[in-house]
Each structure stands twice: as C-alpha cells, then as structure tokens.
C-alpha cells in the first residue's frame, strides 16, 4: 500500500505542475494567488465532474495535491523569471524542461504503478 500511496501523491502533484509553470506564460496577470485560484478551481472542476459522472470519486486529497503541484509550478516559473528576467527565455527553459522531463516523469510514474 505504501508504493500506491507514494505513486498517488507524486502523480497528483506531477500532473498539475506543468499547468502551474505554463499558466503565467499565457496570462498578463502573473500574481501567484490568481494563478493558484485558477489551478485550484480547475482541479475542483475535474473532481466534481468525476463525482457527478461516476467516472471516479471526489477526493479531497486529489484536490489538495493537484493544487500543490500547480503551486510548485507557479513558484518554479517565478524563480525562473527572477533568474532570466525575460519571458521569452523563461518560456524556452520551461519548454525544454517539459520536453526533456515529462517523458521521464511519466515513465517513472508508470513504473511505480506497474510494481503492484
């Protein structure tokens, strides 16, 4: 059960991390709170749809972990912005990390799930 819980925690955080990193790139309003509310609202909407359509269950843990993942992404964007000081450079770095890192993260999550 420990591996499943670990995979669930990491998976829920990882799935919303890119949204948190990319959202400020597409919006003029780059405030952390506003972006966090959008991400939390998106997660809430997904959880509500799962519950209403009976394609899953509404899980408050998922809502919290998804929001946490989005917040990590937002803070990563802020940190990259402070380092590079140019949205074009920040965008390039995030895109490179996404292309290089996403397949690795997905493989590791798949590997964790298959070990049960």
PDB file of N, CA and C in Angstrom:
ATOM      1  N   UNK A   1       0.819  -1.203   0.000  1.00  0.00           N
ATOM      2  CA  UNK A   1       0.000   0.000   0.000  1.00  0.00           C
ATOM      3  C   UNK A   1       0.862   1.267   0.000  1.00  0.00           C
ATOM      4  N   UNK A   2       2.062   1.173   0.524  1.00  0.00           N
ATOM      5  CA  UNK A   2       2.934   2.331   0.602  1.00  0.00           C
ATOM      6  C   UNK A   2       3.341   2.845  -0.765  1.00  0.00           C
ATOM      7  N   UNK A   3       3.627   1.924  -1.702  1.00  0.00           N
ATOM      8  CA  UNK A   3       4.015   2.347  -3.046  1.00  0.00           C
ATOM      9  C   UNK A   3       2.842   2.999  -3.771  1.00  0.00           C
ATOM     10  N   UNK A   4       1.651   2.439  -3.577  1.00  0.00           N
ATOM     11  CA  UNK A   4       0.478   3.019  -4.217  1.00  0.00           C
ATOM     12  C   UNK A   4       0.258   4.440  -3.716  1.00  0.00           C
ATOM     13  N   UNK A   5       0.363   4.633  -2.414  1.00  0.00           N
ATOM     14  CA  UNK A   5       0.174   5.967  -1.840  1.00  0.00           C
ATOM     15  C   UNK A   5       1.234   6.928  -2.368  1.00  0.00           C
ATOM     16  N   UNK A   6       2.470   6.472  -2.440  1.00  0.00           N
ATOM     17  CA  UNK A   6       3.556   7.307  -2.951  1.00  0.00           C
ATOM     18  C   UNK A   6       3.298   7.676  -4.405  1.00  0.00           C
ATOM     19  N   UNK A   7       2.916   6.701  -5.222  1.00  0.00           N
ATOM     20  CA  UNK A   7       2.612   6.952  -6.628  1.00  0.00           C
ATOM     21  C   UNK A   7       1.448   7.903  -6.794  1.00  0.00           C
ATOM     22  N   UNK A   8       0.441   7.778  -5.942  1.00  0.00           N
ATOM     23  CA  UNK A   8      -0.726   8.653  -5.990  1.00  0.00           C
ATOM     24  C   UNK A   8      -0.336  10.089  -5.637  1.00  0.00           C
ATOM     25  N   UNK A   9       0.449  10.248  -4.618  1.00  0.00           N
ATOM     26  CA  UNK A   9       0.882  11.581  -4.187  1.00  0.00           C
ATOM     27  C   UNK A   9       1.723  12.247  -5.269  1.00  0.00           C
ATOM     28  N   UNK A  10       2.739  11.542  -5.736  1.00  0.00           N
ATOM     29  CA  UNK A  10       3.635  12.103  -6.754  1.00  0.00           C
ATOM     30  C   UNK A  10       2.880  12.349  -8.060  1.00  0.00           C
ATOM     31  N   UNK A  11       2.014  11.425  -8.430  1.00  0.00           N
ATOM     32  CA  UNK A  11       1.239  11.575  -9.667  1.00  0.00           C
ATOM     33  C   UNK A  11       0.329  12.786  -9.641  1.00  0.00           C
ATOM     34  N   UNK A  12      -0.374  12.992  -8.530  1.00  0.00           N
ATOM     35  CA  UNK A  12      -1.277  14.135  -8.436  1.00  0.00           C
ATOM     36  C   UNK A  12      -0.535  15.461  -8.421  1.00  0.00           C
ATOM     37  N   UNK A  13       0.630  15.482  -7.834  1.00  0.00           N
ATOM     38  CA  UNK A  13       1.437  16.706  -7.853  1.00  0.00           C
ATOM     39  C   UNK A  13       2.003  16.936  -9.252  1.00  0.00           C
ATOM     40  N   UNK A  14       2.533  15.875  -9.857  1.00  0.00           N
ATOM     41  CA  UNK A  14       3.191  15.999 -11.162  1.00  0.00           C
ATOM     42  C   UNK A  14       2.221  16.376 -12.274  1.00  0.00           C
ATOM     43  N   UNK A  15       0.974  15.943 -12.185  1.00  0.00           N
ATOM     44  CA  UNK A  15       0.034  16.188 -13.267  1.00  0.00           C
ATOM     45  C   UNK A  15      -0.335  17.665 -13.384  1.00  0.00           C
ATOM     46  N   UNK A  16      -0.289  18.411 -12.290  1.00  0.00           N
ATOM     47  CA  UNK A  16      -0.648  19.828 -12.329  1.00  0.00           C
ATOM     48  C   UNK A  16       0.560  20.760 -12.306  1.00  0.00           C
ATOM     49  N   UNK A  17       1.740  20.232 -12.109  1.00  0.00           N
ATOM     50  CA  UNK A  17       2.946  21.054 -12.100  1.00  0.00           C
ATOM     51  C   UNK A  17       3.143  21.801 -13.429  1.00  0.00           C
ATOM     52  N   UNK A  18       2.978  21.145 -14.586  1.00  0.00           N
ATOM     53  CA  UNK A  18       3.136  21.893 -15.839  1.00  0.00           C
ATOM     54  C   UNK A  18       2.111  23.017 -16.004  1.00  0.00           C
ATOM     55  N   UNK A  19       0.884  22.795 -15.560  1.00  0.00           N
ATOM     56  CA  UNK A  19      -0.127  23.849 -15.655  1.00  0.00           C
ATOM     57  C   UNK A  19       0.321  25.075 -14.869  1.00  0.00           C
ATOM     58  N   UNK A  20       0.881  24.852 -13.689  1.00  0.00           N
ATOM     59  CA  UNK A  20       1.370  25.966 -12.886  1.00  0.00           C
ATOM     60  C   UNK A  20       2.530  26.699 -13.532  1.00  0.00           C
ATOM     61  N   UNK A  21       3.362  25.968 -14.276  1.00  0.00           N
ATOM     62  CA  UNK A  21       4.508  26.603 -14.932  1.00  0.00           C
ATOM     63  C   UNK A  21       4.100  27.338 -16.205  1.00  0.00           C
ATOM     64  N   UNK A  22       3.138  26.780 -16.953  1.00  0.00           N
ATOM     65  CA  UNK A  22       2.745  27.382 -18.228  1.00  0.00           C
ATOM     66  C   UNK A  22       1.693  28.476 -18.087  1.00  0.00           C
ATOM     67  N   UNK A  23       0.837  28.393 -17.093  1.00  0.00           N
ATOM     68  CA  UNK A  23      -0.258  29.361 -16.947  1.00  0.00           C
ATOM     69  C   UNK A  23       0.236  30.811 -16.914  1.00  0.00           C
ATOM     70  N   UNK A  24       1.252  31.147 -16.131  1.00  0.00           N
ATOM     71  CA  UNK A  24       1.713  32.552 -16.123  1.00  0.00           C
ATOM     72  C   UNK A  24       2.281  33.016 -17.471  1.00  0.00           C
ATOM     73  N   UNK A  25       2.735  32.075 -18.288  1.00  0.00           N
ATOM     74  CA  UNK A  25       3.259  32.453 -19.602  1.00  0.00           C
ATOM     75  C   UNK A  25       2.159  32.967 -20.522  1.00  0.00           C
ATOM     76  N   UNK A  26       0.939  32.492 -20.327  1.00  0.00           N
ATOM     77  CA  UNK A  26      -0.166  32.836 -21.222  1.00  0.00           C
ATOM     78  C   UNK A  26      -1.057  33.944 -20.680  1.00  0.00           C
ATOM     79  N   UNK A  27      -0.771  34.418 -19.480  1.00  0.00           N
ATOM     80  CA  UNK A  27      -1.600  35.446 -18.870  1.00  0.00           C
ATOM     81  C   UNK A  27      -0.766  36.688 -18.582  1.00  0.00           C
ATOM     82  N   UNK A  28      -1.421  37.828 -18.647  1.00  0.00           N
ATOM     83  CA  UNK A  28      -0.731  39.068 -18.262  1.00  0.00           C
ATOM     84  C   UNK A  28      -0.647  39.179 -16.746  1.00  0.00           C
ATOM     85  N   UNK A  29      -1.692  38.690 -16.070  1.00  0.00           N
ATOM     86  CA  UNK A  29      -1.718  38.726 -14.607  1.00  0.00           C
ATOM     87  C   UNK A  29      -0.878  37.570 -14.077  1.00  0.00           C
ATOM     88  N   UNK A  30       0.286  37.869 -13.564  1.00  0.00           N
ATOM     89  CA  UNK A  30       1.216  36.842 -13.137  1.00  0.00           C
ATOM     90  C   UNK A  30       1.245  36.646 -11.615  1.00  0.00           C
ATOM     91  N   UNK A  31       0.236  37.208 -10.933  1.00  0.00           N
ATOM     92  CA  UNK A  31       0.204  37.071  -9.481  1.00  0.00           C
ATOM     93  C   UNK A  31       0.008  35.614  -9.084  1.00  0.00           C
ATOM     94  N   UNK A  32       0.745  35.204  -8.075  1.00  0.00           N
ATOM     95  CA  UNK A  32       0.705  33.826  -7.610  1.00  0.00           C
ATOM     96  C   UNK A  32      -0.704  33.450  -7.150  1.00  0.00           C
ATOM     97  N   UNK A  33      -1.341  34.307  -6.377  1.00  0.00           N
ATOM     98  CA  UNK A  33      -2.661  33.980  -5.833  1.00  0.00           C
ATOM     99  C   UNK A  33      -3.694  33.765  -6.929  1.00  0.00           C
ATOM    100  N   UNK A  34      -3.729  34.631  -7.930  1.00  0.00           N
ATOM    101  CA  UNK A  34      -4.712  34.485  -9.009  1.00  0.00           C
ATOM    102  C   UNK A  34      -4.484  33.193  -9.797  1.00  0.00           C
ATOM    103  N   UNK A  35      -3.236  32.901 -10.115  1.00  0.00           N
ATOM    104  CA  UNK A  35      -2.934  31.670 -10.839  1.00  0.00           C
ATOM    105  C   UNK A  35      -3.236  30.438  -9.984  1.00  0.00           C
ATOM    106  N   UNK A  36      -2.954  30.534  -8.691  1.00  0.00           N
ATOM    107  CA  UNK A  36      -3.251  29.419  -7.790  1.00  0.00           C
ATOM    108  C   UNK A  36      -4.759  29.173  -7.719  1.00  0.00           C
ATOM    109  N   UNK A  37      -5.546  30.230  -7.693  1.00  0.00           N
ATOM    110  CA  UNK A  37      -7.001  30.073  -7.656  1.00  0.00           C
ATOM    111  C   UNK A  37      -7.525  29.432  -8.941  1.00  0.00           C
ATOM    112  N   UNK A  38      -6.957  29.788 -10.075  1.00  0.00           N
ATOM    113  CA  UNK A  38      -7.356  29.179 -11.342  1.00  0.00           C
ATOM    114  C   UNK A  38      -7.036  27.683 -11.341  1.00  0.00           C
ATOM    115  N   UNK A  39      -5.857  27.347 -10.875  1.00  0.00           N
ATOM    116  CA  UNK A  39      -5.451  25.936 -10.842  1.00  0.00           C
ATOM    117  C   UNK A  39      -6.306  25.158  -9.849  1.00  0.00           C
ATOM    118  N   UNK A  40      -6.545  25.717  -8.689  1.00  0.00           N
ATOM    119  CA  UNK A  40      -7.387  25.043  -7.694  1.00  0.00           C
ATOM    120  C   UNK A  40      -8.815  24.881  -8.217  1.00  0.00           C
ATOM    121  N   UNK A  41      -9.314  25.893  -8.907  1.00  0.00           N
ATOM    122  CA  UNK A  41     -10.650  25.805  -9.499  1.00  0.00           C
ATOM    123  C   UNK A  41     -10.722  24.738 -10.580  1.00  0.00           C
ATOM    124  N   UNK A  42      -9.680  24.625 -11.376  1.00  0.00           N
ATOM    125  CA  UNK A  42      -9.615  23.587 -12.404  1.00  0.00           C
ATOM    126  C   UNK A  42      -9.618  22.208 -11.771  1.00  0.00           C
ATOM    127  N   UNK A  43      -8.833  22.039 -10.730  1.00  0.00           N
ATOM    128  CA  UNK A  43      -8.797  20.763 -10.022  1.00  0.00           C
ATOM    129  C   UNK A  43     -10.155  20.442  -9.406  1.00  0.00           C
ATOM    130  N   UNK A  44     -10.790  21.438  -8.807  1.00  0.00           N
ATOM    131  CA  UNK A  44     -12.119  21.248  -8.225  1.00  0.00           C
ATOM    132  C   UNK A  44     -13.125  20.835  -9.295  1.00  0.00           C
ATOM    133  N   UNK A  45     -13.070  21.476 -10.443  1.00  0.00           N
ATOM    134  CA  UNK A  45     -13.976  21.141 -11.537  1.00  0.00           C
ATOM    135  C   UNK A  45     -13.779  19.690 -11.989  1.00  0.00           C
ATOM    136  N   UNK A  46     -12.548  19.278 -12.118  1.00  0.00           N
ATOM    137  CA  UNK A  46     -12.255  17.897 -12.511  1.00  0.00           C
ATOM    138  C   UNK A  46     -12.790  16.917 -11.476  1.00  0.00           C
ATOM    139  N   UNK A  47     -12.572  17.207 -10.209  1.00  0.00           N
ATOM    140  CA  UNK A  47     -13.067  16.326  -9.152  1.00  0.00           C
ATOM    141  C   UNK A  47     -14.592  16.272  -9.137  1.00  0.00           C
ATOM    142  N   UNK A  48     -15.252  17.413  -9.348  1.00  0.00           N
ATOM    143  CA  UNK A  48     -16.722  17.439  -9.396  1.00  0.00           C
ATOM    144  C   UNK A  48     -17.252  16.627 -10.576  1.00  0.00           C
ATOM    145  N   UNK A  49     -16.622  16.781 -11.728  1.00  0.00           N
ATOM    146  CA  UNK A  49     -17.044  16.021 -12.906  1.00  0.00           C
ATOM    147  C   UNK A  49     -16.878  14.523 -12.663  1.00  0.00           C
ATOM    148  N   UNK A  50     -15.770  14.127 -12.066  1.00  0.00           N
ATOM    149  CA  UNK A  50     -15.557  12.718 -11.735  1.00  0.00           C
ATOM    150  C   UNK A  50     -16.676  12.190 -10.859  1.00  0.00           C
ATOM    151  N   UNK A  51     -17.025  12.954  -9.843  1.00  0.00           N
ATOM    152  CA  UNK A  51     -18.072  12.517  -8.920  1.00  0.00           C
ATOM    153  C   UNK A  51     -19.449  12.495  -9.551  1.00  0.00           C
ATOM    154  N   UNK A  52     -19.789  13.540 -10.307  1.00  0.00           N
ATOM    155  CA  UNK A  52     -21.113  13.640 -10.914  1.00  0.00           C
ATOM    156  C   UNK A  52     -21.346  12.615 -12.016  1.00  0.00           C
ATOM    157  N   UNK A  53     -20.317  12.335 -12.804  1.00  0.00           N
ATOM    158  CA  UNK A  53     -20.457  11.386 -13.899  1.00  0.00           C
ATOM    159  C   UNK A  53     -20.106   9.956 -13.497  1.00  0.00           C
ATOM    160  N   UNK A  54     -19.771   9.763 -12.254  1.00  0.00           N
ATOM    161  CA  UNK A  54     -19.424   8.437 -11.722  1.00  0.00           C
ATOM    162  C   UNK A  54     -18.276   7.790 -12.501  1.00  0.00           C
ATOM    163  N   UNK A  55     -17.312   8.599 -12.905  1.00  0.00           N
ATOM    164  CA  UNK A  55     -16.120   8.066 -13.572  1.00  0.00           C
ATOM    165  C   UNK A  55     -14.930   8.054 -12.610  1.00  0.00           C
ATOM    166  N   UNK A  56     -15.202   8.334 -11.394  1.00  0.00           N
ATOM    167  CA  UNK A  56     -14.205   8.365 -10.339  1.00  0.00           C
ATOM    168  C   UNK A  56     -14.900   8.826  -9.080  1.00  0.00           C
ATOM    169  N   UNK A  57     -14.115   9.161  -8.091  1.00  0.00           N
ATOM    170  CA  UNK A  57     -14.699   9.677  -6.855  1.00  0.00           C
ATOM    171  C   UNK A  57     -14.114  11.052  -6.561  1.00  0.00           C
ATOM    172  N   UNK A  58     -14.914  11.862  -5.890  1.00  0.00           N
ATOM    173  CA  UNK A  58     -14.428  13.163  -5.442  1.00  0.00           C
ATOM    174  C   UNK A  58     -13.512  12.902  -4.258  1.00  0.00           C
ATOM    175  N   UNK A  59     -12.262  13.267  -4.403  1.00  0.00           N
ATOM    176  CA  UNK A  59     -11.275  13.005  -3.352  1.00  0.00           C
ATOM    177  C   UNK A  59     -10.595  14.323  -2.985  1.00  0.00           C
ATOM    178  N   UNK A  60     -10.779  14.736  -1.754  1.00  0.00           N
ATOM    179  CA  UNK A  60     -10.199  15.994  -1.290  1.00  0.00           C
ATOM    180  C   UNK A  60      -8.673  15.943  -1.334  1.00  0.00           C
ATOM    181  N   UNK A  61      -8.114  14.737  -1.139  1.00  0.00           N
ATOM    182  CA  UNK A  61      -6.655  14.592  -1.230  1.00  0.00           C
ATOM    183  C   UNK A  61      -6.166  14.962  -2.631  1.00  0.00           C
ATOM    184  N   UNK A  62      -6.893  14.520  -3.655  1.00  0.00           N
ATOM    185  CA  UNK A  62      -6.510  14.856  -5.024  1.00  0.00           C
ATOM    186  C   UNK A  62      -6.571  16.357  -5.249  1.00  0.00           C
ATOM    187  N   UNK A  63      -7.601  16.975  -4.735  1.00  0.00           N
ATOM    188  CA  UNK A  63      -7.758  18.426  -4.876  1.00  0.00           C
ATOM    189  C   UNK A  63      -6.578  19.163  -4.239  1.00  0.00           C
ATOM    190  N   UNK A  64      -6.212  18.754  -3.046  1.00  0.00           N
ATOM    191  CA  UNK A  64      -5.093  19.387  -2.332  1.00  0.00           C
ATOM    192  C   UNK A  64      -3.768  19.138  -3.062  1.00  0.00           C
ATOM    193  N   UNK A  65      -3.524  17.891  -3.475  1.00  0.00           N
ATOM    194  CA  UNK A  65      -2.264  17.562  -4.132  1.00  0.00           C
ATOM    195  C   UNK A  65      -2.151  18.199  -5.513  1.00  0.00           C
ATOM    196  N   UNK A  66      -3.261  18.238  -6.258  1.00  0.00           N
ATOM    197  CA  UNK A  66      -3.242  18.907  -7.565  1.00  0.00           C
ATOM    198  C   UNK A  66      -2.929  20.390  -7.395  1.00  0.00           C
ATOM    199  N   UNK A  67      -3.561  21.010  -6.410  1.00  0.00           N
ATOM    200  CA  UNK A  67      -3.308  22.435  -6.150  1.00  0.00           C
ATOM    201  C   UNK A  67      -1.869  22.660  -5.721  1.00  0.00           C
ATOM    202  N   UNK A  68      -1.337  21.751  -4.921  1.00  0.00           N
ATOM    203  CA  UNK A  68       0.064  21.841  -4.502  1.00  0.00           C
ATOM    204  C   UNK A  68       0.995  21.732  -5.708  1.00  0.00           C
ATOM    205  N   UNK A  69       0.700  20.802  -6.606  1.00  0.00           N
ATOM    206  CA  UNK A  69       1.509  20.661  -7.818  1.00  0.00           C
ATOM    207  C   UNK A  69       1.481  21.924  -8.658  1.00  0.00           C
ATOM    208  N   UNK A  70       0.285  22.521  -8.795  1.00  0.00           N
ATOM    209  CA  UNK A  70       0.174  23.779  -9.529  1.00  0.00           C
ATOM    210  C   UNK A  70       0.965  24.888  -8.864  1.00  0.00           C
ATOM    211  N   UNK A  71       0.916  24.945  -7.542  1.00  0.00           N
ATOM    212  CA  UNK A  71       1.669  25.961  -6.806  1.00  0.00           C
ATOM    213  C   UNK A  71       3.175  25.779  -6.999  1.00  0.00           C
ATOM    214  N   UNK A  72       3.636  24.546  -6.996  1.00  0.00           N
ATOM    215  CA  UNK A  72       5.059  24.287  -7.246  1.00  0.00           C
ATOM    216  C   UNK A  72       5.446  24.788  -8.635  1.00  0.00           C
ATOM    217  N   UNK A  73       4.578  24.540  -9.619  1.00  0.00           N
ATOM    218  CA  UNK A  73       4.831  25.029 -10.972  1.00  0.00           C
ATOM    219  C   UNK A  73       4.870  26.550 -11.044  1.00  0.00           C
ATOM    220  N   UNK A  74       3.936  27.197 -10.356  1.00  0.00           N
ATOM    221  CA  UNK A  74       3.900  28.668 -10.324  1.00  0.00           C
ATOM    222  C   UNK A  74       5.177  29.214  -9.696  1.00  0.00           C
ATOM    223  N   UNK A  75       5.586  28.617  -8.584  1.00  0.00           N
ATOM    224  CA  UNK A  75       6.799  29.088  -7.907  1.00  0.00           C
ATOM    225  C   UNK A  75       8.044  28.815  -8.747  1.00  0.00           C
ATOM    226  N   UNK A  76       8.041  27.707  -9.494  1.00  0.00           N
ATOM    227  CA  UNK A  76       9.164  27.433 -10.399  1.00  0.00           C
ATOM    228  C   UNK A  76       9.224  28.499 -11.488  1.00  0.00           C
ATOM    229  N   UNK A  77       8.044  28.881 -12.016  1.00  0.00           N
ATOM    230  CA  UNK A  77       8.004  29.952 -13.008  1.00  0.00           C
ATOM    231  C   UNK A  77       8.555  31.250 -12.413  1.00  0.00           C
ATOM    232  N   UNK A  78       8.122  31.590 -11.203  1.00  0.00           N
ATOM    233  CA  UNK A  78       8.590  32.821 -10.554  1.00  0.00           C
ATOM    234  C   UNK A  78      10.106  32.792 -10.368  1.00  0.00           C
ATOM    235  N   UNK A  79      10.626  31.644  -9.956  1.00  0.00           N
ATOM    236  CA  UNK A  79      12.073  31.519  -9.751  1.00  0.00           C
ATOM    237  C   UNK A  79      12.821  31.672 -11.074  1.00  0.00           C
ATOM    238  N   UNK A  80      12.331  31.030 -12.119  1.00  0.00           N
ATOM    239  CA  UNK A  80      12.964  31.169 -13.434  1.00  0.00           C
ATOM    240  C   UNK A  80      12.873  32.601 -13.942  1.00  0.00           C
ATOM    241  N   UNK A  81      11.760  33.264 -13.660  1.00  0.00           N
ATOM    242  CA  UNK A  81      11.601  34.667 -14.052  1.00  0.00           C
ATOM    243  C   UNK A  81      12.622  35.554 -13.350  1.00  0.00           C
ATOM    244  N   UNK A  82      12.871  35.266 -12.082  1.00  0.00           N
ATOM    245  CA  UNK A  82      13.850  36.050 -11.327  1.00  0.00           C
ATOM    246  C   UNK A  82      15.261  35.815 -11.855  1.00  0.00           C
ATOM    247  N   UNK A  83      15.520  34.606 -12.314  1.00  0.00           N
ATOM    248  CA  UNK A  83      16.855  34.278 -12.815  1.00  0.00           C
ATOM    249  C   UNK A  83      17.083  34.869 -14.207  1.00  0.00           C
ATOM    250  N   UNK A  84      16.116  34.668 -15.127  1.00  0.00           N
ATOM    251  CA  UNK A  84      16.323  35.044 -16.530  1.00  0.00           C
ATOM    252  C   UNK A  84      15.799  36.433 -16.896  1.00  0.00           C
ATOM    253  N   UNK A  85      14.883  36.972 -16.132  1.00  0.00           N
ATOM    254  CA  UNK A  85      14.368  38.336 -16.314  1.00  0.00           C
ATOM    255  C   UNK A  85      13.728  38.606 -17.686  1.00  0.00           C
ATOM    256  N   UNK A  86      13.443  37.567 -18.459  1.00  0.00           N
ATOM    257  CA  UNK A  86      12.849  37.736 -19.781  1.00  0.00           C
ATOM    258  C   UNK A  86      11.881  36.582 -20.026  1.00  0.00           C
ATOM    259  N   UNK A  87      10.615  36.918 -20.320  1.00  0.00           N
ATOM    260  CA  UNK A  87       9.600  35.888 -20.508  1.00  0.00           C
ATOM    261  C   UNK A  87       9.935  34.938 -21.654  1.00  0.00           C
ATOM    262  N   UNK A  88      10.585  35.432 -22.669  1.00  0.00           N
ATOM    263  CA  UNK A  88      10.955  34.582 -23.812  1.00  0.00           C
ATOM    264  C   UNK A  88      11.953  33.509 -23.375  1.00  0.00           C
ATOM    265  N   UNK A  89      12.945  33.898 -22.576  1.00  0.00           N
ATOM    266  CA  UNK A  89      13.928  32.933 -22.076  1.00  0.00           C
ATOM    267  C   UNK A  89      13.282  31.956 -21.103  1.00  0.00           C
ATOM    268  N   UNK A  90      12.411  32.464 -20.247  1.00  0.00           N
ATOM    269  CA  UNK A  90      11.708  31.607 -19.290  1.00  0.00           C
ATOM    270  C   UNK A  90      10.861  30.591 -20.039  1.00  0.00           C
ATOM    271  N   UNK A  91      10.166  31.043 -21.068  1.00  0.00           N
ATOM    272  CA  UNK A  91       9.344  30.155 -21.884  1.00  0.00           C
ATOM    273  C   UNK A  91      10.190  29.053 -22.516  1.00  0.00           C
ATOM    274  N   UNK A  92      11.338  29.424 -23.042  1.00  0.00           N
ATOM    275  CA  UNK A  92      12.231  28.448 -23.668  1.00  0.00           C
ATOM    276  C   UNK A  92      12.707  27.414 -22.659  1.00  0.00           C
ATOM    277  N   UNK A  93      13.104  27.859 -21.487  1.00  0.00           N
ATOM    278  CA  UNK A  93      13.583  26.934 -20.454  1.00  0.00           C
ATOM    279  C   UNK A  93      12.466  25.984 -20.025  1.00  0.00           C
ATOM    280  N   UNK A  94      11.259  26.514 -19.817  1.00  0.00           N
ATOM    281  CA  UNK A  94      10.136  25.671 -19.401  1.00  0.00           C
ATOM    282  C   UNK A  94       9.796  24.662 -20.493  1.00  0.00           C
ATOM    283  N   UNK A  95       9.827  25.086 -21.742  1.00  0.00           N
ATOM    284  CA  UNK A  95       9.555  24.168 -22.848  1.00  0.00           C
ATOM    285  C   UNK A  95      10.595  23.061 -22.921  1.00  0.00           C
ATOM    286  N   UNK A  96      11.865  23.402 -22.759  1.00  0.00           N
ATOM    287  CA  UNK A  96      12.929  22.400 -22.795  1.00  0.00           C
ATOM    288  C   UNK A  96      12.765  21.418 -21.635  1.00  0.00           C
ATOM    289  N   UNK A  97      12.497  21.940 -20.452  1.00  0.00           N
ATOM    290  CA  UNK A  97      12.297  21.058 -19.300  1.00  0.00           C
ATOM    291  C   UNK A  97      11.081  20.155 -19.493  1.00  0.00           C
ATOM    292  N   UNK A  98      10.048  20.683 -20.115  1.00  0.00           N
ATOM    293  CA  UNK A  98       8.842  19.892 -20.356  1.00  0.00           C
ATOM    294  C   UNK A  98       9.118  18.766 -21.341  1.00  0.00           C
ATOM    295  N   UNK A  99       9.791  19.092 -22.409  1.00  0.00           N
ATOM    296  CA  UNK A  99      10.072  18.078 -23.436  1.00  0.00           C
ATOM    297  C   UNK A  99      11.033  17.028 -22.903  1.00  0.00           C
ATOM    298  N   UNK A 100      12.030  17.452 -22.154  1.00  0.00           N
ATOM    299  CA  UNK A 100      13.026  16.515 -21.642  1.00  0.00           C
ATOM    300  C   UNK A 100      12.545  15.791 -20.387  1.00  0.00           C
ATOM    301  N   UNK A 101      11.855  16.511 -19.512  1.00  0.00           N
ATOM    302  CA  UNK A 101      11.499  15.930 -18.226  1.00  0.00           C
ATOM    303  C   UNK A 101      10.187  15.183 -18.191  1.00  0.00           C
ATOM    304  N   UNK A 102       9.214  15.583 -18.990  1.00  0.00           N
ATOM    305  CA  UNK A 102       7.899  14.954 -18.936  1.00  0.00           C
ATOM    306  C   UNK A 102       7.934  13.467 -19.268  1.00  0.00           C
ATOM    307  N   UNK A 103       8.611  13.043 -20.328  1.00  0.00           N
ATOM    308  CA  UNK A 103       8.655  11.605 -20.589  1.00  0.00           C
ATOM    309  C   UNK A 103       9.300  10.814 -19.448  1.00  0.00           C
ATOM    310  N   UNK A 104      10.311  11.375 -18.836  1.00  0.00           N
ATOM    311  CA  UNK A 104      10.970  10.697 -17.717  1.00  0.00           C
ATOM    312  C   UNK A 104      10.018  10.566 -16.535  1.00  0.00           C
ATOM    313  N   UNK A 105       9.307  11.648 -16.216  1.00  0.00           N
ATOM    314  CA  UNK A 105       8.344  11.616 -15.110  1.00  0.00           C
ATOM    315  C   UNK A 105       7.235  10.603 -15.392  1.00  0.00           C
ATOM    316  N   UNK A 106       6.702  10.622 -16.604  1.00  0.00           N
ATOM    317  CA  UNK A 106       5.638   9.678 -16.955  1.00  0.00           C
ATOM    318  C   UNK A 106       6.129   8.239 -16.891  1.00  0.00           C
ATOM    319  N   UNK A 107       7.342   7.981 -17.361  1.00  0.00           N
ATOM    320  CA  UNK A 107       7.902   6.634 -17.277  1.00  0.00           C
ATOM    321  C   UNK A 107       8.037   6.186 -15.823  1.00  0.00           C
ATOM    322  N   UNK A 108       8.563   7.061 -14.972  1.00  0.00           N
ATOM    323  CA  UNK A 108       8.730   6.701 -13.561  1.00  0.00           C
ATOM    324  C   UNK A 108       7.383   6.449 -12.886  1.00  0.00           C
ATOM    325  N   UNK A 109       6.384   7.264 -13.190  1.00  0.00           N
ATOM    326  CA  UNK A 109       5.048   7.046 -12.621  1.00  0.00           C
ATOM    327  C   UNK A 109       4.465   5.735 -13.110  1.00  0.00           C
ATOM    328  N   UNK A 110       4.639   5.439 -14.394  1.00  0.00           N
ATOM    329  CA  UNK A 110       4.160   4.168 -14.946  1.00  0.00           C
ATOM    330  C   UNK A 110       4.878   3.000 -14.274  1.00  0.00           C
ATOM    331  N   UNK A 111       6.179   3.120 -14.089  1.00  0.00           N
ATOM    332  CA  UNK A 111       6.975   2.090 -13.450  1.00  0.00           C
ATOM    333  C   UNK A 111       6.509   1.841 -12.009  1.00  0.00           C
ATOM    334  N   UNK A 112       6.235   2.921 -11.284  1.00  0.00           N
ATOM    335  CA  UNK A 112       5.749   2.787  -9.902  1.00  0.00           C
ATOM    336  C   UNK A 112       4.412   2.075  -9.891  1.00  0.00           C
ATOM    337  N   UNK A 113       3.506   2.424 -10.803  1.00  0.00           N
ATOM    338  CA  UNK A 113       2.178   1.807 -10.839  1.00  0.00           C
ATOM    339  C   UNK A 113       2.272   0.322 -11.215  1.00  0.00           C
ATOM    340  N   UNK A 114       3.188  -0.028 -12.091  1.00  0.00           N
ATOM    341  CA  UNK A 114       3.298  -1.419 -12.551  1.00  0.00           C
ATOM    342  C   UNK A 114       3.944  -2.345 -11.527  1.00  0.00           C
ATOM    343  N   UNK A 115       4.526  -1.806 -10.502  1.00  0.00           N
ATOM    344  CA  UNK A 115       5.220  -2.622  -9.496  1.00  0.00           C
ATOM    345  C   UNK A 115       4.265  -3.230  -8.481  1.00  0.00           C
ATOM    346  N   UNK A 116       2.960  -3.058  -8.648  1.00  0.00           N
ATOM    347  CA  UNK A 116       1.989  -3.574  -7.680  1.00  0.00           C
ATOM    348  C   UNK A 116       1.624  -4.975  -8.032  1.00  0.00           C
TER     349      UNK A 116
END
